Amino acid sequence: MAGPSSALSPVIAASTHWLARAYPGGEANTVSHTLAELQARQAITVAAWLRYPTEVDAALVAIAGPGGSAILDWRAGSEPEDEFADGEGWRTWVDEVVVSWAACLLADPLLARRGVDAVIAAMPVPDQRPRPHGRRGGLPNEFRRLLQPDARDRDAASLLRHPDLLDPIASMHRDQLLYLLDAEQDRTPLAA
């Protein structure tokens, strides 16, 4: 499992930025905006680790590039006025599949739990050296806002977690994620 591979950092950062801009959680520099962005980052991270499960996969996407945000921009109706303008280069690091899978995870708590469980199951067993843990435990705590959002998280991410609003993005690659997580047989479509 690639996990915290630094090769995925640009993909995770750009994809999070795209998702947080497409489904904002309040004005910039507010607590709501930050809470929504944290939830987007956690969903994007799980999706990226699922999409690029090995160090080789992570290295290859760093070399070849993930494809960019053009189709996502079109589907979400958020096309930039000039995608070649200064400050828009980050869009080339957005991964369409990762964003689509993250949208699925944000809209469906049960699927999010399956995704995090799959990431945890695939991560190598750490060596026996003691390492610091979060207040509430190990890796799952890193995804608390994705798995167990509190009232402030839910309020901040009302657009980001709305299944109907996310469906144009989530539906793009939902079937692949359901297949990967072996969730096809017990699922009904999130939106008709």
Protein backbone atom coordinates (compact mmCIF):
# COMPACT_ATOMS: atom_id res chain seq x y z
CA MET A 1 0.00 0.00 0.00
CA ALA A 2 1.40 3.34 -0.97
CA GLY A 3 -0.15 5.03 2.04
CA PRO A 4 1.67 8.18 2.98
CA SER A 5 3.88 8.18 -0.14
CA SER A 6 5.16 11.67 -0.83
CA ALA A 7 4.70 10.96 -4.55
CA LEU A 8 0.92 11.31 -4.05
CA SER A 9 1.16 14.68 -2.29
CA PRO A 10 0.55 16.83 -5.41
CA VAL A 11 -2.43 14.69 -6.45
CA ILE A 12 -3.94 14.79 -2.96
CA ALA A 13 -3.39 18.54 -2.58
CA ALA A 14 -4.76 19.49 -6.01
CA SER A 15 -7.72 17.10 -5.85
CA THR A 16 -8.62 18.36 -2.37
CA HIS A 17 -8.38 21.95 -3.60
CA TRP A 18 -10.69 21.18 -6.53
CA LEU A 19 -13.29 19.40 -4.37
CA ALA A 20 -13.26 22.09 -1.68
CA ARG A 21 -13.69 24.83 -4.33
CA ALA A 22 -16.46 22.99 -6.18
CA TYR A 23 -18.43 22.35 -2.96
CA PRO A 24 -17.38 25.16 -0.61
CA GLY A 25 -17.97 25.10 3.12
CA GLY A 26 -18.24 28.83 3.72
CA GLU A 27 -16.08 31.82 3.02
CA ALA A 28 -12.32 31.36 2.84
CA ASN A 29 -10.46 31.79 6.14
CA THR A 30 -13.44 30.66 8.23
CA VAL A 31 -13.75 27.64 10.50
CA SER A 32 -16.48 26.18 8.28
CA HIS A 33 -14.23 26.40 5.22
CA THR A 34 -11.40 24.68 7.10
CA LEU A 35 -13.66 21.90 8.43
CA ALA A 36 -15.06 21.22 4.96
CA GLU A 37 -11.57 21.18 3.47
CA LEU A 38 -10.38 18.72 6.14
CA GLN A 39 -13.23 16.37 5.27
CA ALA A 40 -12.45 16.69 1.57
CA ARG A 41 -8.76 15.96 2.24
CA GLN A 42 -9.56 12.85 4.25
CA ALA A 43 -11.87 11.51 1.51
CA ILE A 44 -9.33 12.37 -1.21
CA THR A 45 -6.54 10.68 0.77
CA VAL A 46 -8.50 7.43 1.14
CA ALA A 47 -9.47 7.54 -2.54
CA ALA A 48 -5.88 8.21 -3.64
CA TRP A 49 -4.52 5.36 -1.51
CA LEU A 50 -7.16 3.04 -3.00
CA ARG A 51 -6.44 4.22 -6.56
CA TYR A 52 -2.65 4.02 -6.23
CA PRO A 53 -2.11 1.12 -3.81
CA THR A 54 1.63 0.57 -4.28
CA GLU A 55 4.76 2.68 -4.23
CA VAL A 56 5.18 1.92 -7.95
CA ASP A 57 1.66 3.18 -8.72
CA ALA A 58 2.34 6.37 -6.77
CA ALA A 59 5.65 6.90 -8.57
CA LEU A 60 4.06 6.31 -11.98
CA VAL A 61 1.32 8.87 -11.42
CA ALA A 62 3.99 11.34 -10.29
CA ILE A 63 5.82 10.79 -13.59
CA ALA A 64 2.86 10.58 -15.99
CA GLY A 65 0.49 12.95 -14.22
CA PRO A 66 -3.10 12.23 -13.23
CA GLY A 67 -4.92 13.89 -16.13
CA GLY A 68 -6.26 17.18 -14.82
CA SER A 69 -9.60 18.69 -13.92
CA ALA A 70 -11.12 19.56 -17.34
CA ILE A 71 -13.89 16.93 -17.32
CA LEU A 72 -14.65 17.50 -13.64
CA ASP A 73 -14.88 21.24 -14.26
CA TRP A 74 -17.32 20.64 -17.09
CA ARG A 75 -19.46 18.15 -15.11
CA ALA A 76 -19.63 20.42 -12.06
CA GLY A 77 -20.22 23.55 -14.15
CA SER A 78 -17.17 25.22 -12.65
CA GLU A 79 -14.94 25.71 -15.67
CA PRO A 80 -12.33 28.41 -15.12
CA GLU A 81 -12.39 31.45 -17.38
CA ASP A 82 -8.81 30.76 -18.42
CA GLU A 83 -7.34 27.41 -17.39
CA PHE A 84 -3.92 28.54 -18.64
CA ALA A 85 -3.86 31.67 -16.46
CA ASP A 86 -1.22 32.12 -13.79
CA GLY A 87 -2.21 30.29 -10.64
CA GLU A 88 -4.28 27.63 -12.43
CA GLY A 89 -1.45 25.11 -12.96
CA TRP A 90 -2.57 23.07 -9.96
CA ARG A 91 -5.50 21.84 -12.08
CA THR A 92 -3.16 19.52 -14.01
CA TRP A 93 -2.56 17.52 -10.80
CA VAL A 94 -6.25 16.82 -10.16
CA ASP A 95 -7.15 13.14 -10.59
CA GLU A 96 -10.67 12.65 -11.96
CA VAL A 97 -11.07 9.13 -10.55
CA VAL A 98 -9.77 10.11 -7.11
CA VAL A 99 -12.19 13.05 -6.92
CA SER A 100 -15.09 10.87 -8.09
CA TRP A 101 -14.29 8.19 -5.52
CA ALA A 102 -13.92 10.81 -2.78
CA ALA A 103 -17.35 12.19 -3.70
CA CYS A 104 -18.76 8.66 -3.31
CA LEU A 105 -17.11 8.32 0.11
CA LEU A 106 -18.40 11.69 1.29
CA ALA A 107 -21.97 10.95 0.18
CA ASP A 108 -22.15 7.43 1.63
CA PRO A 109 -20.93 6.75 5.21
CA LEU A 110 -21.04 2.95 4.77
CA LEU A 111 -18.91 3.14 1.65
CA ALA A 112 -16.51 5.49 3.47
CA ARG A 113 -16.11 2.91 6.25
CA ARG A 114 -15.40 0.19 3.67
CA GLY A 115 -12.83 2.41 1.98
CA VAL A 116 -10.99 3.19 5.20
CA ASP A 117 -11.12 -0.47 6.24
CA ALA A 118 -9.61 -1.47 2.88
CA VAL A 119 -6.81 1.06 3.30
CA ILE A 120 -6.06 -0.16 6.83
CA ALA A 121 -6.12 -3.82 5.76
CA ALA A 122 -3.65 -3.18 2.95
CA MET A 123 -1.14 -1.16 4.96
CA PRO A 124 1.98 -3.01 6.02
CA VAL A 125 2.33 -3.94 9.66
CA PRO A 126 4.56 -1.33 11.28
CA ASP A 127 7.77 -2.35 12.97
CA GLN A 128 7.69 -2.91 16.70
CA ARG A 129 9.12 0.48 17.60
CA PRO A 130 6.70 2.57 19.61
CA ARG A 131 5.10 5.38 17.67
CA PRO A 132 2.78 8.15 18.75
CA HIS A 133 -0.94 7.63 18.31
CA GLY A 134 -3.77 10.09 18.13
CA ARG A 135 -5.82 10.75 21.21
CA ARG A 136 -8.39 8.19 20.15
CA GLY A 137 -6.16 5.57 18.59
CA GLY A 138 -4.22 4.86 15.42
CA LEU A 139 -4.98 5.28 11.73
CA PRO A 140 -8.80 5.41 11.86
CA ASN A 141 -8.52 8.58 13.94
CA GLU A 142 -6.79 10.18 10.97
CA PHE A 143 -10.10 9.79 9.12
CA ARG A 144 -12.46 10.73 11.95
CA ARG A 145 -13.99 13.69 10.13
CA LEU A 146 -14.77 11.47 7.15
CA LEU A 147 -16.15 8.55 9.19
CA GLN A 148 -17.74 10.28 12.19
CA PRO A 149 -18.39 13.93 11.45
CA ASP A 150 -19.76 15.85 14.39
CA ALA A 151 -22.47 18.51 14.11
CA ARG A 152 -19.98 21.26 13.20
CA ASP A 153 -18.41 19.07 10.52
CA ARG A 154 -21.81 18.25 9.02
CA ASP A 155 -22.90 21.90 9.04
CA ALA A 156 -19.64 23.00 7.42
CA ALA A 157 -19.84 20.35 4.70
CA SER A 158 -23.54 20.48 3.84
CA LEU A 159 -22.72 20.94 0.13
CA LEU A 160 -19.72 18.61 0.22
CA ARG A 161 -21.75 15.70 1.60
CA HIS A 162 -25.02 16.22 -0.27
CA PRO A 163 -25.61 13.07 -2.39
CA ASP A 164 -27.69 14.84 -5.04
CA LEU A 165 -25.16 17.64 -5.52
CA LEU A 166 -22.24 15.18 -5.61
CA ASP A 167 -23.91 12.75 -8.01
CA PRO A 168 -22.62 14.28 -11.29
CA ILE A 169 -19.07 13.72 -9.99
CA ALA A 170 -19.62 10.56 -7.93
CA SER A 171 -21.43 8.73 -10.73
CA MET A 172 -18.46 9.09 -13.09
CA HIS A 173 -16.47 6.27 -11.48
CA ARG A 174 -18.79 4.89 -8.75
CA ASP A 175 -19.04 1.44 -10.35
CA GLN A 176 -15.25 0.99 -10.24
CA LEU A 177 -15.15 1.89 -6.55
CA LEU A 178 -18.03 -0.43 -5.71
CA TYR A 179 -16.25 -3.25 -7.54
CA LEU A 180 -12.93 -2.50 -5.83
CA LEU A 181 -14.52 -2.49 -2.37
CA ASP A 182 -16.66 -5.55 -3.19
CA ALA A 183 -19.74 -3.49 -2.43
CA GLU A 184 -21.69 -4.13 -5.64
CA GLN A 185 -23.95 -6.93 -4.46
CA ASP A 186 -25.34 -5.15 -1.42
CA ARG A 187 -25.70 -1.69 -2.95
CA THR A 188 -28.51 0.12 -4.61
CA PRO A 189 -27.71 3.23 -6.61
CA LEU A 190 -27.34 6.34 -4.44
CA ALA A 191 -29.32 8.37 -6.92
CA ALA A 192 -31.63 7.21 -9.67
